[in-house]
Structure formats: C-alpha cells, structure tokens
Amino acid sequence: MFWLRDKTVQVSGVFTGAVQLEGSIDGFAFAPVSSPITAPGFTTIRLAIAYLRVHTLELTAGTPAAVIAGFDFRAI
C-alpha cells in the first residue's frame, strides 16, 4: 500500500462508537494517522505508509465497515 501516496478510507454503516485509523511502516508499530471517526464518511490519508488498519476504540451498537482506495502515482 506504500506506493499509494494518497489513500481514501470510506467508513460506512450505522454504529455508535469510534474507530481509529492506524498506520505502520514495518507492520508491527502502529500509530494513529487520523482523528477518531464517529460517523460514516470519507477520510484522506496523505502518508507513505505500508500498512493501514482500523482500530475500534469504542463500540456500543452497530457494525462499522471500512473500504480503502488509492491512486498509484507511478502510473503517471
């Protein structure tokens, strides 16, 4: 995923809680790369990271879902 310089994450679903996008270069040490997400919507990640995961901070109801997309700038 590191070759996708700009990544967009779409969080969807009806849920009550918060999820956190976390990124890592080595796949072991993850750190937050966005503010906590508490509602469906889009978030852009403009970091060169190799790994991206969704960490559930708090969930009291529902099921959030996340999808990621990006653009390979090497193709230009």
N, C-alpha and C. Protein backbone atom coordinates (compact mmCIF):
# COMPACT_ATOMS: atom_id res chain seq x y z
N MET A 1 0.81 -1.19 0.00
CA MET A 1 0.00 0.00 0.00
C MET A 1 0.86 1.26 0.00
N PHE A 2 2.16 1.15 0.28
CA PHE A 2 3.03 2.32 0.37
C PHE A 2 3.14 3.07 -0.94
N TRP A 3 2.92 2.40 -2.09
CA TRP A 3 3.00 3.07 -3.38
C TRP A 3 1.79 3.94 -3.64
N LEU A 4 0.74 3.80 -2.86
CA LEU A 4 -0.44 4.64 -2.98
C LEU A 4 -0.25 5.85 -2.06
N ARG A 5 0.33 6.90 -2.60
CA ARG A 5 0.68 8.06 -1.78
C ARG A 5 -0.52 8.67 -1.08
N ASP A 6 -1.61 8.85 -1.81
CA ASP A 6 -2.84 9.37 -1.21
C ASP A 6 -3.86 8.23 -1.16
N LYS A 7 -4.35 7.97 0.02
CA LYS A 7 -5.33 6.91 0.22
C LYS A 7 -6.61 7.52 0.77
N THR A 8 -7.75 6.99 0.35
CA THR A 8 -9.03 7.44 0.87
C THR A 8 -9.71 6.26 1.54
N VAL A 9 -10.18 6.48 2.75
CA VAL A 9 -10.88 5.45 3.50
C VAL A 9 -12.34 5.89 3.64
N GLN A 10 -13.26 4.98 3.29
CA GLN A 10 -14.68 5.24 3.47
C GLN A 10 -15.17 4.36 4.61
N VAL A 11 -15.71 4.99 5.63
CA VAL A 11 -16.32 4.27 6.75
C VAL A 11 -17.83 4.37 6.55
N SER A 12 -18.49 3.21 6.63
CA SER A 12 -19.94 3.18 6.43
C SER A 12 -20.59 2.33 7.51
N GLY A 13 -21.91 2.31 7.49
CA GLY A 13 -22.65 1.52 8.46
C GLY A 13 -23.28 2.40 9.52
N VAL A 14 -24.23 1.82 10.20
CA VAL A 14 -24.88 2.52 11.31
C VAL A 14 -24.24 2.00 12.59
N PHE A 15 -23.58 2.88 13.32
CA PHE A 15 -22.89 2.46 14.54
C PHE A 15 -22.82 3.60 15.54
N THR A 16 -22.66 3.24 16.78
CA THR A 16 -22.43 4.19 17.87
C THR A 16 -21.10 3.83 18.48
N GLY A 17 -20.14 4.72 18.34
CA GLY A 17 -18.80 4.45 18.85
C GLY A 17 -17.77 5.24 18.09
N ALA A 18 -16.52 4.78 18.14
CA ALA A 18 -15.42 5.46 17.48
C ALA A 18 -14.41 4.44 16.98
N VAL A 19 -13.91 4.66 15.77
CA VAL A 19 -12.83 3.85 15.22
C VAL A 19 -11.66 4.77 14.90
N GLN A 20 -10.47 4.22 14.91
CA GLN A 20 -9.24 4.99 14.68
C GLN A 20 -8.46 4.34 13.55
N LEU A 21 -8.06 5.14 12.55
CA LEU A 21 -7.18 4.63 11.51
C LEU A 21 -5.76 4.68 12.02
N GLU A 22 -5.04 3.57 11.88
CA GLU A 22 -3.65 3.49 12.34
C GLU A 22 -2.77 3.02 11.19
N GLY A 23 -1.59 3.58 11.10
CA GLY A 23 -0.66 3.22 10.05
C GLY A 23 0.66 2.75 10.60
N SER A 24 1.40 2.02 9.75
CA SER A 24 2.71 1.49 10.14
C SER A 24 3.58 1.33 8.90
N ILE A 25 4.87 1.46 9.09
CA ILE A 25 5.83 1.20 8.02
C ILE A 25 6.30 -0.24 8.07
N ASP A 26 6.48 -0.78 9.27
CA ASP A 26 7.03 -2.13 9.41
C ASP A 26 5.99 -3.21 9.68
N GLY A 27 4.74 -2.84 9.93
CA GLY A 27 3.69 -3.80 10.19
C GLY A 27 3.58 -4.22 11.65
N PHE A 28 4.42 -3.65 12.51
CA PHE A 28 4.41 -4.00 13.92
C PHE A 28 4.08 -2.80 14.81
N ALA A 29 4.69 -1.68 14.54
CA ALA A 29 4.48 -0.47 15.36
C ALA A 29 3.46 0.42 14.66
N PHE A 30 2.22 0.41 15.15
CA PHE A 30 1.14 1.20 14.56
C PHE A 30 0.92 2.47 15.38
N ALA A 31 0.55 3.55 14.68
CA ALA A 31 0.27 4.83 15.32
C ALA A 31 -0.94 5.47 14.62
N PRO A 32 -1.71 6.29 15.33
CA PRO A 32 -2.87 6.96 14.70
C PRO A 32 -2.45 7.84 13.53
N VAL A 33 -3.23 7.79 12.45
CA VAL A 33 -2.97 8.63 11.28
C VAL A 33 -4.17 9.54 10.97
N SER A 34 -5.16 9.54 11.85
CA SER A 34 -6.33 10.40 11.67
C SER A 34 -6.95 10.64 13.04
N SER A 35 -7.90 11.53 13.06
CA SER A 35 -8.70 11.72 14.27
C SER A 35 -9.66 10.54 14.40
N PRO A 36 -10.15 10.26 15.60
CA PRO A 36 -11.15 9.20 15.74
C PRO A 36 -12.37 9.48 14.86
N ILE A 37 -12.92 8.44 14.25
CA ILE A 37 -14.06 8.56 13.35
C ILE A 37 -15.30 8.08 14.10
N THR A 38 -16.31 8.92 14.17
CA THR A 38 -17.52 8.59 14.92
C THR A 38 -18.77 8.54 14.05
N ALA A 39 -18.62 8.76 12.75
CA ALA A 39 -19.77 8.74 11.85
C ALA A 39 -19.30 8.31 10.46
N PRO A 40 -20.21 7.78 9.65
CA PRO A 40 -19.84 7.40 8.29
C PRO A 40 -19.31 8.59 7.50
N GLY A 41 -18.38 8.32 6.59
CA GLY A 41 -17.82 9.38 5.77
C GLY A 41 -16.48 8.98 5.18
N PHE A 42 -15.79 9.96 4.60
CA PHE A 42 -14.52 9.74 3.93
C PHE A 42 -13.39 10.43 4.69
N THR A 43 -12.22 9.79 4.70
CA THR A 43 -11.02 10.36 5.30
C THR A 43 -9.86 10.13 4.34
N THR A 44 -9.07 11.16 4.08
CA THR A 44 -7.90 11.05 3.21
C THR A 44 -6.65 10.91 4.05
N ILE A 45 -5.82 9.94 3.71
CA ILE A 45 -4.54 9.71 4.39
C ILE A 45 -3.43 10.05 3.41
N ARG A 46 -2.64 11.06 3.71
CA ARG A 46 -1.59 11.53 2.81
C ARG A 46 -0.21 11.19 3.37
N LEU A 47 -0.04 9.95 3.75
CA LEU A 47 1.25 9.48 4.30
C LEU A 47 1.72 8.27 3.52
N ALA A 48 3.03 8.13 3.37
CA ALA A 48 3.60 6.95 2.71
C ALA A 48 3.79 5.85 3.75
N ILE A 49 2.71 5.11 4.02
CA ILE A 49 2.76 4.02 4.98
C ILE A 49 2.51 2.71 4.24
N ALA A 50 3.07 1.64 4.76
CA ALA A 50 2.91 0.34 4.12
C ALA A 50 1.67 -0.40 4.60
N TYR A 51 1.24 -0.13 5.83
CA TYR A 51 0.12 -0.85 6.43
C TYR A 51 -0.88 0.13 7.01
N LEU A 52 -2.15 -0.21 6.85
CA LEU A 52 -3.22 0.62 7.41
C LEU A 52 -4.25 -0.32 8.03
N ARG A 53 -4.66 0.00 9.27
CA ARG A 53 -5.68 -0.82 9.92
C ARG A 53 -6.69 0.07 10.61
N VAL A 54 -7.85 -0.51 10.90
CA VAL A 54 -8.90 0.19 11.63
C VAL A 54 -8.94 -0.40 13.04
N HIS A 55 -8.76 0.45 14.02
CA HIS A 55 -8.77 0.04 15.42
C HIS A 55 -10.07 0.54 16.05
N THR A 56 -10.83 -0.36 16.66
CA THR A 56 -12.07 0.03 17.33
C THR A 56 -11.74 0.58 18.71
N LEU A 57 -12.00 1.86 18.90
CA LEU A 57 -11.75 2.49 20.20
C LEU A 57 -12.90 2.23 21.16
N GLU A 58 -14.10 2.31 20.62
CA GLU A 58 -15.32 2.17 21.44
C GLU A 58 -16.45 1.80 20.50
N LEU A 59 -17.24 0.82 20.87
CA LEU A 59 -18.38 0.43 20.04
C LEU A 59 -19.49 -0.07 20.95
N THR A 60 -20.60 0.67 20.98
CA THR A 60 -21.71 0.28 21.84
C THR A 60 -22.90 -0.27 21.04
N ALA A 61 -22.92 0.00 19.73
CA ALA A 61 -24.01 -0.53 18.90
C ALA A 61 -23.62 -0.46 17.43
N GLY A 62 -24.15 -1.38 16.64
CA GLY A 62 -23.95 -1.36 15.20
C GLY A 62 -22.66 -2.02 14.75
N THR A 63 -22.44 -1.92 13.43
CA THR A 63 -21.25 -2.51 12.83
C THR A 63 -20.66 -1.55 11.79
N PRO A 64 -19.54 -0.90 12.10
CA PRO A 64 -18.89 -0.06 11.08
C PRO A 64 -18.15 -0.92 10.07
N ALA A 65 -18.05 -0.43 8.86
CA ALA A 65 -17.28 -1.10 7.81
C ALA A 65 -16.34 -0.07 7.18
N ALA A 66 -15.19 -0.52 6.72
CA ALA A 66 -14.23 0.40 6.10
C ALA A 66 -13.71 -0.19 4.79
N VAL A 67 -13.57 0.69 3.80
CA VAL A 67 -13.02 0.32 2.49
C VAL A 67 -11.95 1.35 2.15
N ILE A 68 -10.83 0.88 1.57
CA ILE A 68 -9.75 1.80 1.21
C ILE A 68 -9.53 1.79 -0.29
N ALA A 69 -9.20 2.96 -0.83
CA ALA A 69 -8.85 3.10 -2.24
C ALA A 69 -7.68 4.07 -2.34
N GLY A 70 -6.94 3.97 -3.42
CA GLY A 70 -5.81 4.87 -3.61
C GLY A 70 -5.46 4.98 -5.07
N PHE A 71 -4.50 5.85 -5.35
CA PHE A 71 -4.05 6.08 -6.72
C PHE A 71 -2.55 5.86 -6.76
N ASP A 72 -2.10 5.06 -7.73
CA ASP A 72 -0.69 4.78 -7.89
C ASP A 72 -0.06 5.88 -8.76
N PHE A 73 0.64 6.81 -8.12
CA PHE A 73 1.23 7.93 -8.84
C PHE A 73 2.36 7.52 -9.77
N ARG A 74 2.89 6.29 -9.61
CA ARG A 74 3.93 5.81 -10.52
C ARG A 74 3.37 5.58 -11.91
N ALA A 75 2.06 5.49 -12.04
CA ALA A 75 1.41 5.21 -13.34
C ALA A 75 1.34 6.46 -14.20
N ILE A 76 1.68 7.62 -13.66
CA ILE A 76 1.58 8.88 -14.43
C ILE A 76 2.77 8.98 -15.36
